[in-house]
């Protein structure tokens, strides 16, 4: 090798290193202990489970982009998948089905049920993916007015007043409840004197209902991908805990989103939140 050629190679290498160093990463994917994981490595593990709980920050664009990519990746590899989300309540299933089957237009869906403010940017792409590919999309959440009653009217007993039809939109009563779960204890501390046990029960009935409908609609040899706020599945609690209470043998993987000042290393407080952690720069723009 001539000295001139060697110099060219060195300069090329230095330029490449410099370019890489200047690259601004949007996110980093790690396991629960902070070890970096390749995206495809995660996809390979998701193929062999029954349920994927994808915990998002509702206004985080990286969460929503990767939700779509995970769905597309599994579908492209011919995995039987079903979608479901916290953002749709069980009494909205009929309208959602009408849209998926082309009986409703997008406007008719919007006019018939209350959609989240960021539906068009963050959840419609997932619903439309299901529509285009003839996939089911399950409305898993309890009607929020019922969860509000649990908080405002004295706990789970408020649900005794519901009609048989209304009770079909919630987890069968009585539901198991463990106030000592870390996520529920954190909620108690965060709310202080403004919440109490009943606000935790309102959270629990959401978790229980989502778990109930996931299992009710889960078929053999199928992966149910569920989208929910990260607090509903962090620490392998919330929906995860109820899934295991109802069907201990169910195989679950969890994904969560965290925001940090730096992407290089998972902050200690964010370890052991989920099987996979998406670290996003805290300066990332929001979807709303």
C-alpha atoms as a PDB file:
ATOM      1  CA  UNK A   1       0.000   0.000   0.000  1.00  0.00           C
ATOM      2  CA  UNK A   2       1.417   3.371  -1.003  1.00  0.00           C
ATOM      3  CA  UNK A   3       1.804   6.124   1.568  1.00  0.00           C
ATOM      4  CA  UNK A   4      -0.671   8.247  -0.395  1.00  0.00           C
ATOM      5  CA  UNK A   5      -3.323   5.518  -0.328  1.00  0.00           C
ATOM      6  CA  UNK A   6      -2.690   4.914   3.390  1.00  0.00           C
ATOM      7  CA  UNK A   7      -3.196   8.635   4.062  1.00  0.00           C
ATOM      8  CA  UNK A   8      -6.463   8.626   2.123  1.00  0.00           C
ATOM      9  CA  UNK A   9      -7.746   5.663   4.123  1.00  0.00           C
ATOM     10  CA  UNK A  10      -6.797   7.316   7.429  1.00  0.00           C
ATOM     11  CA  UNK A  11      -8.506  10.565   6.444  1.00  0.00           C
ATOM     12  CA  UNK A  12     -11.600   8.668   5.334  1.00  0.00           C
ATOM     13  CA  UNK A  13     -11.736   6.803   8.659  1.00  0.00           C
ATOM     14  CA  UNK A  14     -11.309  10.013  10.656  1.00  0.00           C
ATOM     15  CA  UNK A  15     -14.082  11.653   8.652  1.00  0.00           C
ATOM     16  CA  UNK A  16     -16.393   8.705   9.302  1.00  0.00           C
ATOM     17  CA  UNK A  17     -15.678   8.788  13.047  1.00  0.00           C
ATOM     18  CA  UNK A  18     -16.267  12.529  13.134  1.00  0.00           C
ATOM     19  CA  UNK A  19     -19.550  12.184  11.274  1.00  0.00           C
ATOM     20  CA  UNK A  20     -20.697   9.409  13.623  1.00  0.00           C
ATOM     21  CA  UNK A  21     -19.764  11.446  16.703  1.00  0.00           C
ATOM     22  CA  UNK A  22     -21.862  14.339  15.438  1.00  0.00           C
ATOM     23  CA  UNK A  23     -24.909  12.142  14.857  1.00  0.00           C
ATOM     24  CA  UNK A  24     -27.797  12.987  17.182  1.00  0.00           C
ATOM     25  CA  UNK A  25     -29.649   9.831  18.161  1.00  0.00           C
ATOM     26  CA  UNK A  26     -33.398  10.040  18.760  1.00  0.00           C
ATOM     27  CA  UNK A  27     -33.609   7.034  21.053  1.00  0.00           C
ATOM     28  CA  UNK A  28     -31.789   4.013  22.424  1.00  0.00           C
ATOM     29  CA  UNK A  29     -33.275   0.563  23.031  1.00  0.00           C
ATOM     30  CA  UNK A  30     -32.048  -1.354  26.094  1.00  0.00           C
ATOM     31  CA  UNK A  31     -33.129  -4.247  28.292  1.00  0.00           C
ATOM     32  CA  UNK A  32     -34.358  -3.756  31.846  1.00  0.00           C
ATOM     33  CA  UNK A  33     -30.780  -3.607  33.157  1.00  0.00           C
ATOM     34  CA  UNK A  34     -29.625  -1.041  30.611  1.00  0.00           C
ATOM     35  CA  UNK A  35     -27.842  -3.338  28.130  1.00  0.00           C
ATOM     36  CA  UNK A  36     -28.274  -2.098  24.567  1.00  0.00           C
ATOM     37  CA  UNK A  37     -30.518  -4.320  22.452  1.00  0.00           C
ATOM     38  CA  UNK A  38     -30.857  -4.394  18.685  1.00  0.00           C
ATOM     39  CA  UNK A  39     -34.379  -3.700  17.425  1.00  0.00           C
ATOM     40  CA  UNK A  40     -34.552  -6.976  15.484  1.00  0.00           C
ATOM     41  CA  UNK A  41     -33.404  -8.896  18.553  1.00  0.00           C
ATOM     42  CA  UNK A  42     -36.427  -7.546  20.397  1.00  0.00           C
ATOM     43  CA  UNK A  43     -38.728  -8.452  17.515  1.00  0.00           C
ATOM     44  CA  UNK A  44     -37.459 -12.052  17.583  1.00  0.00           C
ATOM     45  CA  UNK A  45     -38.445 -12.415  21.248  1.00  0.00           C
ATOM     46  CA  UNK A  46     -41.860 -10.818  20.697  1.00  0.00           C
ATOM     47  CA  UNK A  47     -42.732 -13.512  18.167  1.00  0.00           C
ATOM     48  CA  UNK A  48     -42.864 -16.161  20.879  1.00  0.00           C
ATOM     49  CA  UNK A  49     -45.181 -14.568  23.438  1.00  0.00           C
ATOM     50  CA  UNK A  50     -48.932 -14.252  23.856  1.00  0.00           C
ATOM     51  CA  UNK A  51     -49.132 -10.601  24.874  1.00  0.00           C
ATOM     52  CA  UNK A  52     -46.966  -7.543  24.291  1.00  0.00           C
ATOM     53  CA  UNK A  53     -47.720  -4.609  26.590  1.00  0.00           C
ATOM     54  CA  UNK A  54     -46.307  -1.517  24.882  1.00  0.00           C
ATOM     55  CA  UNK A  55     -46.093   1.272  27.448  1.00  0.00           C
ATOM     56  CA  UNK A  56     -46.014   4.742  25.968  1.00  0.00           C
ATOM     57  CA  UNK A  57     -45.803   8.363  26.990  1.00  0.00           C
ATOM     58  CA  UNK A  58     -48.994   9.591  25.360  1.00  0.00           C
ATOM     59  CA  UNK A  59     -47.325  12.671  23.856  1.00  0.00           C
ATOM     60  CA  UNK A  60     -44.030  11.066  22.853  1.00  0.00           C
ATOM     61  CA  UNK A  61     -43.569  10.714  19.066  1.00  0.00           C
ATOM     62  CA  UNK A  62     -40.881   8.033  19.388  1.00  0.00           C
ATOM     63  CA  UNK A  63     -43.277   5.821  21.368  1.00  0.00           C
ATOM     64  CA  UNK A  64     -45.899   6.125  18.642  1.00  0.00           C
ATOM     65  CA  UNK A  65     -43.475   5.613  15.773  1.00  0.00           C
ATOM     66  CA  UNK A  66     -42.033   2.455  17.327  1.00  0.00           C
ATOM     67  CA  UNK A  67     -45.500   1.127  18.117  1.00  0.00           C
ATOM     68  CA  UNK A  68     -46.282   1.275  14.415  1.00  0.00           C
ATOM     69  CA  UNK A  69     -42.919  -0.236  13.476  1.00  0.00           C
ATOM     70  CA  UNK A  70     -43.307  -3.156  15.906  1.00  0.00           C
ATOM     71  CA  UNK A  71     -46.755  -3.936  14.505  1.00  0.00           C
ATOM     72  CA  UNK A  72     -45.476  -3.731  10.943  1.00  0.00           C
ATOM     73  CA  UNK A  73     -42.373  -5.825  11.692  1.00  0.00           C
ATOM     74  CA  UNK A  74     -44.361  -8.668  13.243  1.00  0.00           C
ATOM     75  CA  UNK A  75     -46.982  -8.538  10.501  1.00  0.00           C
ATOM     76  CA  UNK A  76     -44.293  -8.554   7.795  1.00  0.00           C
ATOM     77  CA  UNK A  77     -42.899 -11.738   9.323  1.00  0.00           C
ATOM     78  CA  UNK A  78     -46.316 -13.412   9.054  1.00  0.00           C
ATOM     79  CA  UNK A  79     -46.973 -13.483  12.790  1.00  0.00           C
ATOM     80  CA  UNK A  80     -50.671 -13.651  13.655  1.00  0.00           C
ATOM     81  CA  UNK A  81     -51.294 -10.431  15.543  1.00  0.00           C
ATOM     82  CA  UNK A  82     -54.214  -8.661  17.150  1.00  0.00           C
ATOM     83  CA  UNK A  83     -54.168  -5.077  18.350  1.00  0.00           C
ATOM     84  CA  UNK A  84     -55.811  -3.423  21.332  1.00  0.00           C
ATOM     85  CA  UNK A  85     -55.516  -0.183  23.239  1.00  0.00           C
ATOM     86  CA  UNK A  86     -56.297   1.698  26.419  1.00  0.00           C
ATOM     87  CA  UNK A  87     -57.434   4.588  24.215  1.00  0.00           C
ATOM     88  CA  UNK A  88     -60.667   2.822  23.264  1.00  0.00           C
ATOM     89  CA  UNK A  89     -63.325   1.905  25.823  1.00  0.00           C
ATOM     90  CA  UNK A  90     -65.256  -1.359  25.668  1.00  0.00           C
ATOM     91  CA  UNK A  91     -68.576   0.314  24.865  1.00  0.00           C
ATOM     92  CA  UNK A  92     -66.927   1.816  21.759  1.00  0.00           C
ATOM     93  CA  UNK A  93     -66.144  -1.569  20.202  1.00  0.00           C
ATOM     94  CA  UNK A  94     -69.204  -1.615  17.951  1.00  0.00           C
ATOM     95  CA  UNK A  95     -68.322   1.743  16.380  1.00  0.00           C
ATOM     96  CA  UNK A  96     -64.669   0.755  16.049  1.00  0.00           C
ATOM     97  CA  UNK A  97     -65.661  -2.480  14.312  1.00  0.00           C
ATOM     98  CA  UNK A  98     -67.899  -0.509  11.935  1.00  0.00           C
ATOM     99  CA  UNK A  99     -64.928   1.620  10.908  1.00  0.00           C
ATOM    100  CA  UNK A 100     -62.634  -1.399  10.513  1.00  0.00           C
ATOM    101  CA  UNK A 101     -65.191  -3.093   8.250  1.00  0.00           C
ATOM    102  CA  UNK A 102     -65.818   0.055   6.138  1.00  0.00           C
ATOM    103  CA  UNK A 103     -69.373   0.508   7.427  1.00  0.00           C
ATOM    104  CA  UNK A 104     -68.251   3.805   8.997  1.00  0.00           C
ATOM    105  CA  UNK A 105     -66.128   6.514   7.453  1.00  0.00           C
ATOM    106  CA  UNK A 106     -63.452   8.235   9.522  1.00  0.00           C
ATOM    107  CA  UNK A 107     -65.872  11.110  10.113  1.00  0.00           C
ATOM    108  CA  UNK A 108     -68.657   8.779  11.224  1.00  0.00           C
ATOM    109  CA  UNK A 109     -66.296   7.169  13.719  1.00  0.00           C
ATOM    110  CA  UNK A 110     -65.284  10.568  15.039  1.00  0.00           C
ATOM    111  CA  UNK A 111     -68.927  11.647  15.309  1.00  0.00           C
ATOM    112  CA  UNK A 112     -70.068   8.462  17.053  1.00  0.00           C
ATOM    113  CA  UNK A 113     -67.488   8.130  19.862  1.00  0.00           C
ATOM    114  CA  UNK A 114     -65.183  10.384  21.831  1.00  0.00           C
ATOM    115  CA  UNK A 115     -61.662   9.973  20.483  1.00  0.00           C
ATOM    116  CA  UNK A 116     -58.478  11.064  22.218  1.00  0.00           C
ATOM    117  CA  UNK A 117     -57.251  14.550  21.183  1.00  0.00           C
ATOM    118  CA  UNK A 118     -54.141  13.040  19.579  1.00  0.00           C
ATOM    119  CA  UNK A 119     -56.031  10.222  17.828  1.00  0.00           C
ATOM    120  CA  UNK A 120     -55.363  11.431  14.274  1.00  0.00           C
ATOM    121  CA  UNK A 121     -51.597  11.730  14.694  1.00  0.00           C
ATOM    122  CA  UNK A 122     -50.841   8.921  17.148  1.00  0.00           C
ATOM    123  CA  UNK A 123     -53.492   6.170  17.061  1.00  0.00           C
ATOM    124  CA  UNK A 124     -55.241   6.445  13.714  1.00  0.00           C
ATOM    125  CA  UNK A 125     -52.154   5.039  11.914  1.00  0.00           C
ATOM    126  CA  UNK A 126     -52.426   1.899  14.063  1.00  0.00           C
ATOM    127  CA  UNK A 127     -56.173   1.586  13.553  1.00  0.00           C
ATOM    128  CA  UNK A 128     -55.750   2.124   9.822  1.00  0.00           C
ATOM    129  CA  UNK A 129     -53.008  -0.517   9.693  1.00  0.00           C
ATOM    130  CA  UNK A 130     -55.476  -2.946  11.264  1.00  0.00           C
ATOM    131  CA  UNK A 131     -58.171  -1.852   8.798  1.00  0.00           C
ATOM    132  CA  UNK A 132     -55.919  -2.227   5.744  1.00  0.00           C
ATOM    133  CA  UNK A 133     -54.654  -5.646   6.812  1.00  0.00           C
ATOM    134  CA  UNK A 134     -57.967  -7.043   8.129  1.00  0.00           C
ATOM    135  CA  UNK A 135     -56.742  -7.242  11.715  1.00  0.00           C
ATOM    136  CA  UNK A 136     -58.901  -6.982  14.804  1.00  0.00           C
ATOM    137  CA  UNK A 137     -58.497  -3.966  17.044  1.00  0.00           C
ATOM    138  CA  UNK A 138     -59.918  -4.421  20.548  1.00  0.00           C
ATOM    139  CA  UNK A 139     -61.266  -1.628  22.731  1.00  0.00           C
ATOM    140  CA  UNK A 140     -59.978  -2.841  26.096  1.00  0.00           C
ATOM    141  CA  UNK A 141     -60.540  -0.033  28.581  1.00  0.00           C
ATOM    142  CA  UNK A 142     -63.394   0.427  31.037  1.00  0.00           C
ATOM    143  CA  UNK A 143     -65.752   3.299  30.147  1.00  0.00           C
ATOM    144  CA  UNK A 144     -64.062   6.141  31.983  1.00  0.00           C
ATOM    145  CA  UNK A 145     -67.240   7.326  33.649  1.00  0.00           C
ATOM    146  CA  UNK A 146     -67.366   4.004  35.505  1.00  0.00           C
ATOM    147  CA  UNK A 147     -63.747   4.338  36.662  1.00  0.00           C
ATOM    148  CA  UNK A 148     -64.591   7.870  37.791  1.00  0.00           C
ATOM    149  CA  UNK A 149     -67.494   6.478  39.836  1.00  0.00           C
ATOM    150  CA  UNK A 150     -65.101   4.109  41.605  1.00  0.00           C
ATOM    151  CA  UNK A 151     -63.065   7.126  42.707  1.00  0.00           C
ATOM    152  CA  UNK A 152     -65.951   9.420  43.558  1.00  0.00           C
ATOM    153  CA  UNK A 153     -68.554   7.011  44.937  1.00  0.00           C
ATOM    154  CA  UNK A 154     -66.693   4.843  47.406  1.00  0.00           C
ATOM    155  CA  UNK A 155     -64.658   2.246  45.541  1.00  0.00           C
ATOM    156  CA  UNK A 156     -65.630  -0.921  43.690  1.00  0.00           C
ATOM    157  CA  UNK A 157     -69.095  -1.008  45.284  1.00  0.00           C
ATOM    158  CA  UNK A 158     -70.064   1.838  42.941  1.00  0.00           C
ATOM    159  CA  UNK A 159     -70.024  -0.708  40.115  1.00  0.00           C
ATOM    160  CA  UNK A 160     -72.809  -2.732  41.763  1.00  0.00           C
ATOM    161  CA  UNK A 161     -75.276  -0.157  40.414  1.00  0.00           C
ATOM    162  CA  UNK A 162     -74.440  -0.943  36.779  1.00  0.00           C
ATOM    163  CA  UNK A 163     -76.863  -2.784  34.515  1.00  0.00           C
ATOM    164  CA  UNK A 164     -76.022  -6.203  33.083  1.00  0.00           C
ATOM    165  CA  UNK A 165     -75.154  -4.560  29.763  1.00  0.00           C
ATOM    166  CA  UNK A 166     -72.850  -2.064  31.453  1.00  0.00           C
ATOM    167  CA  UNK A 167     -71.173  -4.802  33.481  1.00  0.00           C
ATOM    168  CA  UNK A 168     -70.262  -6.532  30.218  1.00  0.00           C
ATOM    169  CA  UNK A 169     -67.911  -3.590  29.563  1.00  0.00           C
ATOM    170  CA  UNK A 170     -65.813  -4.137  32.688  1.00  0.00           C
ATOM    171  CA  UNK A 171     -63.801  -6.932  34.306  1.00  0.00           C
ATOM    172  CA  UNK A 172     -66.013  -9.437  36.138  1.00  0.00           C
ATOM    173  CA  UNK A 173     -66.531  -8.501  39.759  1.00  0.00           C
ATOM    174  CA  UNK A 174     -65.117  -8.888  42.300  1.00  0.00           C
ATOM    175  CA  UNK A 175     -61.657  -8.065  40.988  1.00  0.00           C
ATOM    176  CA  UNK A 176     -58.492  -8.965  42.912  1.00  0.00           C
ATOM    177  CA  UNK A 177     -56.761  -5.916  44.368  1.00  0.00           C
ATOM    178  CA  UNK A 178     -53.359  -5.442  46.006  1.00  0.00           C
ATOM    179  CA  UNK A 179     -52.733  -1.958  47.354  1.00  0.00           C
ATOM    180  CA  UNK A 180     -49.133  -2.958  48.167  1.00  0.00           C
ATOM    181  CA  UNK A 181     -48.066  -3.109  44.512  1.00  0.00           C
ATOM    182  CA  UNK A 182     -45.247  -0.629  43.981  1.00  0.00           C
ATOM    183  CA  UNK A 183     -47.027   1.244  41.200  1.00  0.00           C
ATOM    184  CA  UNK A 184     -50.112   1.712  43.375  1.00  0.00           C
ATOM    185  CA  UNK A 185     -48.031   2.796  46.353  1.00  0.00           C
ATOM    186  CA  UNK A 186     -46.277   5.334  44.117  1.00  0.00           C
ATOM    187  CA  UNK A 187     -49.667   6.658  43.067  1.00  0.00           C
ATOM    188  CA  UNK A 188     -50.752   7.039  46.686  1.00  0.00           C
ATOM    189  CA  UNK A 189     -47.604   8.998  47.494  1.00  0.00           C
ATOM    190  CA  UNK A 190     -47.939  11.178  44.414  1.00  0.00           C
ATOM    191  CA  UNK A 191     -51.570  12.064  45.137  1.00  0.00           C
ATOM    192  CA  UNK A 192     -51.006  12.692  48.843  1.00  0.00           C
ATOM    193  CA  UNK A 193     -54.179  13.878  50.552  1.00  0.00           C
ATOM    194  CA  UNK A 194     -55.978  14.389  47.229  1.00  0.00           C
ATOM    195  CA  UNK A 195     -56.504  10.744  46.311  1.00  0.00           C
ATOM    196  CA  UNK A 196     -56.723   7.953  48.825  1.00  0.00           C
ATOM    197  CA  UNK A 197     -57.297   4.272  48.198  1.00  0.00           C
ATOM    198  CA  UNK A 198     -60.300   4.846  45.937  1.00  0.00           C
ATOM    199  CA  UNK A 199     -58.258   6.664  43.297  1.00  0.00           C
ATOM    200  CA  UNK A 200     -55.930   3.657  43.230  1.00  0.00           C
ATOM    201  CA  UNK A 201     -58.963   1.387  42.873  1.00  0.00           C
ATOM    202  CA  UNK A 202     -60.044   3.495  39.896  1.00  0.00           C
ATOM    203  CA  UNK A 203     -56.646   2.787  38.351  1.00  0.00           C
ATOM    204  CA  UNK A 204     -56.903  -0.888  39.263  1.00  0.00           C
ATOM    205  CA  UNK A 205     -60.302  -1.356  37.621  1.00  0.00           C
ATOM    206  CA  UNK A 206     -58.809   0.031  34.398  1.00  0.00           C
ATOM    207  CA  UNK A 207     -55.882  -2.402  34.656  1.00  0.00           C
ATOM    208  CA  UNK A 208     -58.185  -5.312  35.452  1.00  0.00           C
ATOM    209  CA  UNK A 209     -60.577  -4.506  32.605  1.00  0.00           C
ATOM    210  CA  UNK A 210     -57.799  -4.168  30.054  1.00  0.00           C
ATOM    211  CA  UNK A 211     -56.329  -7.509  31.172  1.00  0.00           C
ATOM    212  CA  UNK A 212     -59.792  -9.093  31.018  1.00  0.00           C
ATOM    213  CA  UNK A 213     -60.434  -8.039  27.411  1.00  0.00           C
ATOM    214  CA  UNK A 214     -56.924  -8.940  26.283  1.00  0.00           C
ATOM    215  CA  UNK A 215     -57.410 -12.494  27.519  1.00  0.00           C
ATOM    216  CA  UNK A 216     -61.034 -12.669  26.354  1.00  0.00           C
ATOM    217  CA  UNK A 217     -59.974 -11.884  22.777  1.00  0.00           C
ATOM    218  CA  UNK A 218     -56.604 -13.652  22.720  1.00  0.00           C
ATOM    219  CA  UNK A 219     -56.547 -16.674  20.409  1.00  0.00           C
ATOM    220  CA  UNK A 220     -54.040 -19.557  20.347  1.00  0.00           C
ATOM    221  CA  UNK A 221     -50.916 -18.958  18.256  1.00  0.00           C
ATOM    222  CA  UNK A 222     -51.514 -15.234  18.256  1.00  0.00           C
ATOM    223  CA  UNK A 223     -49.637 -12.220  19.602  1.00  0.00           C
ATOM    224  CA  UNK A 224     -51.884  -9.567  21.147  1.00  0.00           C
ATOM    225  CA  UNK A 225     -50.107  -6.182  20.982  1.00  0.00           C
ATOM    226  CA  UNK A 226     -51.589  -3.777  23.503  1.00  0.00           C
ATOM    227  CA  UNK A 227     -50.921  -0.043  23.687  1.00  0.00           C
ATOM    228  CA  UNK A 228     -51.202   1.674  27.052  1.00  0.00           C
ATOM    229  CA  UNK A 229     -49.679   4.382  29.176  1.00  0.00           C
ATOM    230  CA  UNK A 230     -46.408   3.102  30.587  1.00  0.00           C
ATOM    231  CA  UNK A 231     -47.710   3.434  34.162  1.00  0.00           C
ATOM    232  CA  UNK A 232     -50.266   0.700  33.378  1.00  0.00           C
ATOM    233  CA  UNK A 233     -47.523  -1.930  32.909  1.00  0.00           C
ATOM    234  CA  UNK A 234     -44.311  -0.607  34.484  1.00  0.00           C
ATOM    235  CA  UNK A 235     -42.595  -2.768  37.138  1.00  0.00           C
ATOM    236  CA  UNK A 236     -44.418  -5.784  35.612  1.00  0.00           C
ATOM    237  CA  UNK A 237     -47.509  -4.643  37.482  1.00  0.00           C
ATOM    238  CA  UNK A 238     -50.836  -3.101  36.500  1.00  0.00           C
ATOM    239  CA  UNK A 239     -52.173  -4.923  33.434  1.00  0.00           C
ATOM    240  CA  UNK A 240     -49.309  -7.423  33.660  1.00  0.00           C
ATOM    241  CA  UNK A 241     -50.226  -8.309  37.257  1.00  0.00           C
ATOM    242  CA  UNK A 242     -53.893  -8.827  36.364  1.00  0.00           C
ATOM    243  CA  UNK A 243     -53.042 -10.936  33.322  1.00  0.00           C
ATOM    244  CA  UNK A 244     -51.074 -13.237  35.592  1.00  0.00           C
ATOM    245  CA  UNK A 245     -53.860 -13.291  38.202  1.00  0.00           C
ATOM    246  CA  UNK A 246     -56.370 -14.359  35.574  1.00  0.00           C
ATOM    247  CA  UNK A 247     -54.133 -16.737  33.580  1.00  0.00           C
ATOM    248  CA  UNK A 248     -50.820 -17.520  35.214  1.00  0.00           C
ATOM    249  CA  UNK A 249     -49.347 -19.307  32.208  1.00  0.00           C
ATOM    250  CA  UNK A 250     -49.788 -16.394  29.786  1.00  0.00           C
ATOM    251  CA  UNK A 251     -46.486 -15.336  28.213  1.00  0.00           C
ATOM    252  CA  UNK A 252     -45.913 -11.583  28.304  1.00  0.00           C
ATOM    253  CA  UNK A 253     -43.234  -9.144  27.217  1.00  0.00           C
ATOM    254  CA  UNK A 254     -43.323  -5.506  28.223  1.00  0.00           C
ATOM    255  CA  UNK A 255     -41.940  -2.394  26.572  1.00  0.00           C
ATOM    256  CA  UNK A 256     -41.772   1.002  28.226  1.00  0.00           C
ATOM    257  CA  UNK A 257     -40.690   4.529  27.367  1.00  0.00           C
ATOM    258  CA  UNK A 258     -38.539   6.811  29.500  1.00  0.00           C
ATOM    259  CA  UNK A 259     -37.207  10.293  28.919  1.00  0.00           C
ATOM    260  CA  UNK A 260     -33.670  11.194  30.053  1.00  0.00           C
ATOM    261  CA  UNK A 261     -31.103  13.965  29.711  1.00  0.00           C
ATOM    262  CA  UNK A 262     -28.728  11.520  28.042  1.00  0.00           C
ATOM    263  CA  UNK A 263     -29.108   8.314  26.026  1.00  0.00           C
ATOM    264  CA  UNK A 264     -25.754   6.718  26.785  1.00  0.00           C
ATOM    265  CA  UNK A 265     -26.773   4.962  29.987  1.00  0.00           C
ATOM    266  CA  UNK A 266     -30.106   3.969  31.526  1.00  0.00           C
ATOM    267  CA  UNK A 267     -30.665   6.020  34.672  1.00  0.00           C
ATOM    268  CA  UNK A 268     -30.776   3.923  37.824  1.00  0.00           C
ATOM    269  CA  UNK A 269     -34.362   4.958  38.563  1.00  0.00           C
ATOM    270  CA  UNK A 270     -35.444   3.596  35.156  1.00  0.00           C
ATOM    271  CA  UNK A 271     -34.034   0.096  35.596  1.00  0.00           C
ATOM    272  CA  UNK A 272     -36.351  -2.920  35.978  1.00  0.00           C
ATOM    273  CA  UNK A 273     -39.351  -1.085  34.552  1.00  0.00           C
ATOM    274  CA  UNK A 274     -39.950  -3.477  31.660  1.00  0.00           C
ATOM    275  CA  UNK A 275     -38.313  -6.130  29.496  1.00  0.00           C
ATOM    276  CA  UNK A 276     -37.378  -3.447  26.964  1.00  0.00           C
ATOM    277  CA  UNK A 277     -36.863   0.247  27.616  1.00  0.00           C
ATOM    278  CA  UNK A 278     -36.949   2.960  24.952  1.00  0.00           C
ATOM    279  CA  UNK A 279     -34.747   5.808  26.161  1.00  0.00           C
ATOM    280  CA  UNK A 280     -35.777   9.070  24.536  1.00  0.00           C
ATOM    281  CA  UNK A 281     -34.018  12.427  24.789  1.00  0.00           C
ATOM    282  CA  UNK A 282     -36.079  14.533  27.179  1.00  0.00           C
ATOM    283  CA  UNK A 283     -35.869  17.411  24.694  1.00  0.00           C
ATOM    284  CA  UNK A 284     -37.838  15.407  22.133  1.00  0.00           C
ATOM    285  CA  UNK A 285     -40.768  17.387  20.753  1.00  0.00           C
ATOM    286  CA  UNK A 286     -44.280  16.316  21.842  1.00  0.00           C
ATOM    287  CA  UNK A 287     -47.214  15.336  19.693  1.00  0.00           C
ATOM    288  CA  UNK A 288     -49.560  17.645  21.620  1.00  0.00           C
END
